[in-house]
Amino acid sequence: MGACLSIPNPKPRKTGTDFGVGGAPAAIKRHPTAKVVHMDGRIQEFKPPIQAKHVTSQNPGDHFLCSSESMSIGTSVPAVPDDEELQPDQIYFLLPLSHSNKALSLPELCALAVKASSGLSQGSISNSRFILR
């Protein structure tokens, strides 16, 4: 195994703009968003405050929204109540209603995690960002 070592830059370069993480100007601040993963791997990003019913109403069909933090193997997936606000920096899944009363298996949970990971790493986040007050 290798070791990791950080060496300070002896002479910081002066440029006209301060750059932050990912090469974006440090002056641009990124606000925390709630991310919704669709079954096709597409991800929508929402600026809070936004209620769950606004997400489900934008996606016609028999779907429900669930929080990634409430999912566990061997239990049914609890739906986020319609009037609940989505939390910043949280990942949600938009699942078909057929998944609401069946126990979540390890392969299903892994498949959802892969969809979320793949969508986030490939930058397939939708530009639809909403601010609802």
Foldseek 3Di string as FASTA:
>chain_A
DDDDDDDDDPDDDDDPFDADPPRHTPVDDDAFWEWEAEPVLAIETEDDFDFQLVVDVVPDDQKFKAWLVQADAFAQTDGRDRGDGGDGPTYMYIGHPVRRHDGHHPVNNVSVVVSPVVSVVVVNYDPDYDYDD
